[in-house]
Amino acid sequence: QVQLVESGGGLVQAGGSLRVSCAASGSTFNINTMGWYRQAPGKQRELVATINSRGSTDYVDSVKGRFTISRVNANYTVDLQMNSLKPEDTAVYYCYSRSWWNRDYWGQGTQVTVSS
């Protein structure tokens, strides 16, 4: 089992920045990929960014150039630095991890609200 605990998030004006962080505990040696998803009201959960154990990253097109994902393998933390935030980035952001045999774990989520 892997436990994921998010921190950060909050309320910011459009154009501002926020950072969300996630710390994994438990069977962390099983983790390959970590990342962030988000879910806005009335919408499906969508992938925001992922980073694997080798540091390869992937981003949804809508956040490329604005968000940066980073990871510290030694303590299994993953951060998402969000710059130039837009109201459409408002969502609950969920930390995510995938094991080497494709088992997924999720955090409880942290709210990010961007006011216009």
N, C-alpha and C. Protein backbone atom coordinates (compact mmCIF):
# COMPACT_ATOMS: atom_id res chain seq x y z
N GLN A 1 0.83 -1.19 0.00
CA GLN A 1 0.00 0.00 0.00
C GLN A 1 0.87 1.25 0.00
N VAL A 2 0.38 2.26 -0.69
CA VAL A 2 1.05 3.57 -0.73
C VAL A 2 0.06 4.61 -0.25
N GLN A 3 0.51 5.46 0.63
CA GLN A 3 -0.31 6.58 1.08
C GLN A 3 0.27 7.88 0.50
N LEU A 4 -0.60 8.73 0.01
CA LEU A 4 -0.21 9.99 -0.61
C LEU A 4 -0.89 11.13 0.12
N VAL A 5 -0.10 12.10 0.55
CA VAL A 5 -0.64 13.24 1.28
C VAL A 5 -0.24 14.52 0.57
N GLU A 6 -1.24 15.28 0.15
CA GLU A 6 -0.99 16.54 -0.55
C GLU A 6 -0.93 17.71 0.43
N SER A 7 -0.24 18.74 0.01
CA SER A 7 -0.23 20.00 0.74
C SER A 7 -0.10 21.13 -0.26
N GLY A 8 -0.39 22.32 0.21
CA GLY A 8 -0.35 23.47 -0.69
C GLY A 8 -1.73 23.73 -1.27
N GLY A 9 -1.77 24.38 -2.38
CA GLY A 9 -3.05 24.79 -2.95
C GLY A 9 -3.56 26.05 -2.28
N GLY A 10 -4.80 26.38 -2.57
CA GLY A 10 -5.41 27.57 -1.98
C GLY A 10 -6.02 28.46 -3.02
N LEU A 11 -6.13 29.74 -2.68
CA LEU A 11 -6.78 30.72 -3.54
C LEU A 11 -5.74 31.71 -4.05
N VAL A 12 -5.81 32.00 -5.35
CA VAL A 12 -4.87 32.94 -5.96
C VAL A 12 -5.59 33.68 -7.08
N GLN A 13 -5.13 34.88 -7.37
CA GLN A 13 -5.69 35.62 -8.49
C GLN A 13 -5.10 35.13 -9.80
N ALA A 14 -5.83 35.34 -10.86
CA ALA A 14 -5.35 34.96 -12.18
C ALA A 14 -4.00 35.62 -12.45
N GLY A 15 -3.10 34.83 -13.02
CA GLY A 15 -1.74 35.30 -13.27
C GLY A 15 -0.78 34.99 -12.16
N GLY A 16 -1.29 34.55 -11.04
CA GLY A 16 -0.45 34.24 -9.89
C GLY A 16 0.12 32.83 -9.95
N SER A 17 0.77 32.46 -8.86
CA SER A 17 1.45 31.17 -8.78
C SER A 17 1.06 30.44 -7.50
N LEU A 18 1.07 29.13 -7.59
CA LEU A 18 0.87 28.26 -6.44
C LEU A 18 1.74 27.03 -6.61
N ARG A 19 2.02 26.40 -5.50
CA ARG A 19 2.77 25.15 -5.52
C ARG A 19 2.01 24.13 -4.69
N VAL A 20 1.82 22.95 -5.25
CA VAL A 20 1.24 21.84 -4.50
C VAL A 20 2.29 20.75 -4.38
N SER A 21 2.31 20.11 -3.23
CA SER A 21 3.30 19.09 -2.95
C SER A 21 2.61 17.81 -2.50
N CYS A 22 3.29 16.72 -2.67
CA CYS A 22 2.75 15.41 -2.30
C CYS A 22 3.87 14.56 -1.75
N ALA A 23 3.60 13.93 -0.62
CA ALA A 23 4.57 13.02 -0.01
C ALA A 23 3.99 11.62 0.04
N ALA A 24 4.76 10.67 -0.43
CA ALA A 24 4.32 9.27 -0.42
C ALA A 24 4.95 8.54 0.76
N SER A 25 4.20 7.60 1.30
CA SER A 25 4.72 6.75 2.36
C SER A 25 4.16 5.34 2.16
N GLY A 26 4.70 4.42 2.91
CA GLY A 26 4.28 3.03 2.76
C GLY A 26 5.24 2.29 1.84
N SER A 27 4.68 1.53 0.91
CA SER A 27 5.49 0.72 0.00
C SER A 27 6.02 1.56 -1.16
N THR A 28 6.78 2.57 -0.83
CA THR A 28 7.23 3.52 -1.85
C THR A 28 8.22 2.91 -2.84
N PHE A 29 8.88 1.83 -2.46
CA PHE A 29 9.85 1.21 -3.36
C PHE A 29 9.16 0.66 -4.61
N ASN A 30 7.84 0.50 -4.55
CA ASN A 30 7.09 0.00 -5.70
C ASN A 30 6.75 1.08 -6.71
N ILE A 31 6.97 2.34 -6.35
CA ILE A 31 6.50 3.43 -7.19
C ILE A 31 7.38 3.62 -8.41
N ASN A 32 6.74 3.73 -9.57
CA ASN A 32 7.44 4.12 -10.79
C ASN A 32 7.09 5.57 -11.12
N THR A 33 5.84 5.80 -11.44
CA THR A 33 5.40 7.13 -11.88
C THR A 33 4.64 7.83 -10.77
N MET A 34 4.87 9.13 -10.66
CA MET A 34 4.07 9.98 -9.78
C MET A 34 3.55 11.16 -10.60
N GLY A 35 2.51 11.78 -10.11
CA GLY A 35 1.98 12.89 -10.88
C GLY A 35 0.78 13.53 -10.24
N TRP A 36 0.12 14.35 -11.06
CA TRP A 36 -1.04 15.09 -10.60
C TRP A 36 -2.16 15.00 -11.62
N TYR A 37 -3.35 14.78 -11.11
CA TYR A 37 -4.57 14.90 -11.87
C TYR A 37 -5.38 16.04 -11.26
N ARG A 38 -6.39 16.48 -11.98
CA ARG A 38 -7.30 17.48 -11.42
C ARG A 38 -8.72 17.21 -11.88
N GLN A 39 -9.66 17.69 -11.08
CA GLN A 39 -11.06 17.54 -11.42
C GLN A 39 -11.79 18.82 -11.07
N ALA A 40 -12.33 19.44 -12.09
CA ALA A 40 -13.11 20.65 -11.92
C ALA A 40 -14.58 20.27 -11.73
N PRO A 41 -15.36 21.14 -11.12
CA PRO A 41 -16.79 20.83 -10.92
C PRO A 41 -17.48 20.49 -12.22
N GLY A 42 -18.18 19.37 -12.23
CA GLY A 42 -18.94 18.96 -13.41
C GLY A 42 -18.11 18.38 -14.53
N LYS A 43 -16.81 18.19 -14.30
CA LYS A 43 -15.94 17.66 -15.35
C LYS A 43 -15.26 16.38 -14.89
N GLN A 44 -14.76 15.65 -15.85
CA GLN A 44 -14.05 14.42 -15.53
C GLN A 44 -12.64 14.75 -15.03
N ARG A 45 -12.10 13.81 -14.27
CA ARG A 45 -10.73 13.97 -13.80
C ARG A 45 -9.80 13.90 -15.00
N GLU A 46 -8.83 14.80 -15.06
CA GLU A 46 -7.89 14.82 -16.17
C GLU A 46 -6.45 14.83 -15.67
N LEU A 47 -5.60 14.23 -16.48
CA LEU A 47 -4.18 14.22 -16.19
C LEU A 47 -3.62 15.62 -16.37
N VAL A 48 -2.81 16.05 -15.40
CA VAL A 48 -2.13 17.34 -15.51
C VAL A 48 -0.67 17.13 -15.87
N ALA A 49 0.03 16.33 -15.07
CA ALA A 49 1.45 16.10 -15.31
C ALA A 49 1.88 14.84 -14.61
N THR A 50 2.85 14.16 -15.21
CA THR A 50 3.44 12.99 -14.58
C THR A 50 4.95 13.04 -14.73
N ILE A 51 5.61 12.31 -13.85
CA ILE A 51 7.06 12.18 -13.92
C ILE A 51 7.41 10.76 -13.47
N ASN A 52 8.26 10.10 -14.24
CA ASN A 52 8.61 8.73 -13.87
C ASN A 52 9.91 8.71 -13.06
N SER A 53 10.34 7.53 -12.71
CA SER A 53 11.50 7.38 -11.84
C SER A 53 12.79 7.87 -12.49
N ARG A 54 12.79 7.96 -13.83
CA ARG A 54 13.99 8.46 -14.53
C ARG A 54 13.91 9.96 -14.77
N GLY A 55 12.82 10.57 -14.37
CA GLY A 55 12.68 12.01 -14.53
C GLY A 55 12.00 12.45 -15.80
N SER A 56 11.51 11.53 -16.59
CA SER A 56 10.78 11.89 -17.81
C SER A 56 9.41 12.44 -17.44
N THR A 57 9.05 13.54 -18.05
CA THR A 57 7.81 14.23 -17.71
C THR A 57 6.83 14.25 -18.87
N ASP A 58 5.58 14.44 -18.51
CA ASP A 58 4.52 14.57 -19.50
C ASP A 58 3.50 15.55 -18.95
N TYR A 59 2.98 16.42 -19.82
CA TYR A 59 2.03 17.44 -19.40
C TYR A 59 0.83 17.46 -20.35
N VAL A 60 -0.32 17.80 -19.81
CA VAL A 60 -1.46 18.07 -20.67
C VAL A 60 -1.17 19.39 -21.40
N ASP A 61 -1.63 19.50 -22.63
CA ASP A 61 -1.29 20.66 -23.46
C ASP A 61 -1.65 21.98 -22.79
N SER A 62 -2.74 22.01 -22.08
CA SER A 62 -3.24 23.27 -21.52
C SER A 62 -2.34 23.86 -20.44
N VAL A 63 -1.40 23.09 -19.91
CA VAL A 63 -0.53 23.61 -18.85
C VAL A 63 0.93 23.70 -19.28
N LYS A 64 1.25 23.25 -20.47
CA LYS A 64 2.63 23.28 -20.94
C LYS A 64 3.14 24.72 -20.95
N GLY A 65 4.35 24.90 -20.43
CA GLY A 65 4.93 26.22 -20.35
C GLY A 65 4.53 27.00 -19.12
N ARG A 66 3.54 26.51 -18.38
CA ARG A 66 3.10 27.21 -17.17
C ARG A 66 3.34 26.39 -15.91
N PHE A 67 3.20 25.08 -16.01
CA PHE A 67 3.35 24.21 -14.85
C PHE A 67 4.64 23.41 -14.99
N THR A 68 5.26 23.13 -13.84
CA THR A 68 6.46 22.31 -13.82
C THR A 68 6.33 21.27 -12.72
N ILE A 69 6.53 20.02 -13.10
CA ILE A 69 6.49 18.94 -12.13
C ILE A 69 7.92 18.54 -11.79
N SER A 70 8.15 18.26 -10.52
CA SER A 70 9.47 17.83 -10.08
C SER A 70 9.31 16.75 -9.01
N ARG A 71 10.38 15.99 -8.85
CA ARG A 71 10.28 14.83 -7.97
C ARG A 71 11.61 14.61 -7.28
N VAL A 72 11.53 14.20 -6.03
CA VAL A 72 12.71 13.79 -5.30
C VAL A 72 12.56 12.31 -4.99
N ASN A 73 13.31 11.49 -5.69
CA ASN A 73 13.16 10.04 -5.55
C ASN A 73 13.54 9.56 -4.15
N ALA A 74 14.49 10.25 -3.53
CA ALA A 74 14.98 9.79 -2.24
C ALA A 74 13.89 9.75 -1.19
N ASN A 75 12.95 10.69 -1.26
CA ASN A 75 11.89 10.69 -0.26
C ASN A 75 10.50 10.64 -0.89
N TYR A 76 10.47 10.30 -2.17
CA TYR A 76 9.20 10.10 -2.87
C TYR A 76 8.24 11.27 -2.67
N THR A 77 8.73 12.44 -2.95
CA THR A 77 7.87 13.61 -2.99
C THR A 77 7.77 14.12 -4.42
N VAL A 78 6.64 14.68 -4.73
CA VAL A 78 6.44 15.26 -6.05
C VAL A 78 5.75 16.60 -5.88
N ASP A 79 6.30 17.59 -6.56
CA ASP A 79 5.75 18.94 -6.49
C ASP A 79 5.23 19.37 -7.86
N LEU A 80 4.27 20.26 -7.82
CA LEU A 80 3.77 20.86 -9.05
C LEU A 80 3.78 22.37 -8.85
N GLN A 81 4.68 23.02 -9.56
CA GLN A 81 4.75 24.48 -9.53
C GLN A 81 3.85 25.01 -10.63
N MET A 82 2.89 25.84 -10.24
CA MET A 82 1.90 26.34 -11.20
C MET A 82 2.04 27.84 -11.31
N ASN A 83 2.41 28.30 -12.49
CA ASN A 83 2.58 29.73 -12.76
C ASN A 83 1.55 30.19 -13.78
N SER A 84 1.38 31.49 -13.85
CA SER A 84 0.44 32.09 -14.81
C SER A 84 -0.92 31.40 -14.74
N LEU A 85 -1.40 31.24 -13.54
CA LEU A 85 -2.65 30.50 -13.35
C LEU A 85 -3.84 31.22 -13.98
N LYS A 86 -4.76 30.41 -14.46
CA LYS A 86 -5.97 30.90 -15.11
C LYS A 86 -7.19 30.40 -14.33
N PRO A 87 -8.31 31.09 -14.45
CA PRO A 87 -9.52 30.60 -13.77
C PRO A 87 -9.87 29.16 -14.15
N GLU A 88 -9.59 28.77 -15.36
CA GLU A 88 -9.91 27.41 -15.79
C GLU A 88 -8.99 26.35 -15.16
N ASP A 89 -7.97 26.78 -14.43
CA ASP A 89 -7.16 25.83 -13.67
C ASP A 89 -7.80 25.47 -12.34
N THR A 90 -8.87 26.15 -11.99
CA THR A 90 -9.57 25.86 -10.74
C THR A 90 -10.07 24.43 -10.73
N ALA A 91 -9.68 23.70 -9.70
CA ALA A 91 -10.04 22.28 -9.60
C ALA A 91 -9.51 21.73 -8.28
N VAL A 92 -9.92 20.52 -7.99
CA VAL A 92 -9.27 19.75 -6.93
C VAL A 92 -8.12 18.99 -7.59
N TYR A 93 -6.95 19.15 -7.02
CA TYR A 93 -5.76 18.52 -7.57
C TYR A 93 -5.42 17.29 -6.73
N TYR A 94 -5.26 16.16 -7.41
CA TYR A 94 -5.01 14.88 -6.76
C TYR A 94 -3.62 14.38 -7.10
N CYS A 95 -2.90 14.03 -6.07
CA CYS A 95 -1.61 13.35 -6.26
C CYS A 95 -1.87 11.91 -6.65
N TYR A 96 -0.98 11.36 -7.41
CA TYR A 96 -1.17 10.03 -8.01
C TYR A 96 0.17 9.31 -8.08
N SER A 97 0.12 8.02 -7.85
CA SER A 97 1.31 7.22 -8.07
C SER A 97 0.92 5.92 -8.76
N ARG A 98 1.82 5.41 -9.55
CA ARG A 98 1.60 4.14 -10.24
C ARG A 98 2.80 3.25 -9.98
N SER A 99 2.50 2.02 -9.58
CA SER A 99 3.58 1.08 -9.29
C SER A 99 4.11 0.48 -10.58
N TRP A 100 5.18 -0.31 -10.43
CA TRP A 100 5.80 -0.94 -11.59
C TRP A 100 4.85 -1.93 -12.27
N TRP A 101 3.87 -2.44 -11.54
CA TRP A 101 2.90 -3.36 -12.15
C TRP A 101 1.55 -2.69 -12.32
N ASN A 102 1.59 -1.34 -12.46
CA ASN A 102 0.41 -0.55 -12.86
C ASN A 102 -0.71 -0.52 -11.84
N ARG A 103 -0.37 -0.55 -10.57
CA ARG A 103 -1.38 -0.31 -9.54
C ARG A 103 -1.33 1.18 -9.17
N ASP A 104 -2.52 1.78 -9.16
CA ASP A 104 -2.62 3.22 -8.93
C ASP A 104 -3.07 3.54 -7.50
N TYR A 105 -2.52 4.61 -6.98
CA TYR A 105 -2.93 5.15 -5.69
C TYR A 105 -3.21 6.64 -5.84
N TRP A 106 -4.09 7.14 -4.99
CA TRP A 106 -4.52 8.54 -5.06
C TRP A 106 -4.49 9.18 -3.69
N GLY A 107 -4.18 10.47 -3.69
CA GLY A 107 -4.32 11.24 -2.47
C GLY A 107 -5.75 11.73 -2.31
N GLN A 108 -5.98 12.47 -1.24
CA GLN A 108 -7.33 12.96 -0.94
C GLN A 108 -7.70 14.20 -1.74
N GLY A 109 -6.72 14.87 -2.29
CA GLY A 109 -6.99 16.05 -3.11
C GLY A 109 -6.79 17.34 -2.33
N THR A 110 -6.41 18.38 -3.06
CA THR A 110 -6.27 19.70 -2.49
C THR A 110 -6.88 20.72 -3.45
N GLN A 111 -7.61 21.66 -2.91
CA GLN A 111 -8.33 22.61 -3.75
C GLN A 111 -7.42 23.73 -4.23
N VAL A 112 -7.51 24.01 -5.51
CA VAL A 112 -6.84 25.17 -6.11
C VAL A 112 -7.93 26.02 -6.75
N THR A 113 -8.02 27.27 -6.32
CA THR A 113 -9.03 28.18 -6.85
C THR A 113 -8.33 29.42 -7.41
N VAL A 114 -8.62 29.72 -8.65
CA VAL A 114 -8.03 30.88 -9.32
C VAL A 114 -9.16 31.86 -9.63
N SER A 115 -9.07 33.03 -9.04
CA SER A 115 -10.11 34.04 -9.25
C SER A 115 -9.74 34.94 -10.41
N SER A 116 -10.77 35.40 -11.08
CA SER A 116 -10.52 36.26 -12.26
C SER A 116 -10.46 37.73 -11.88
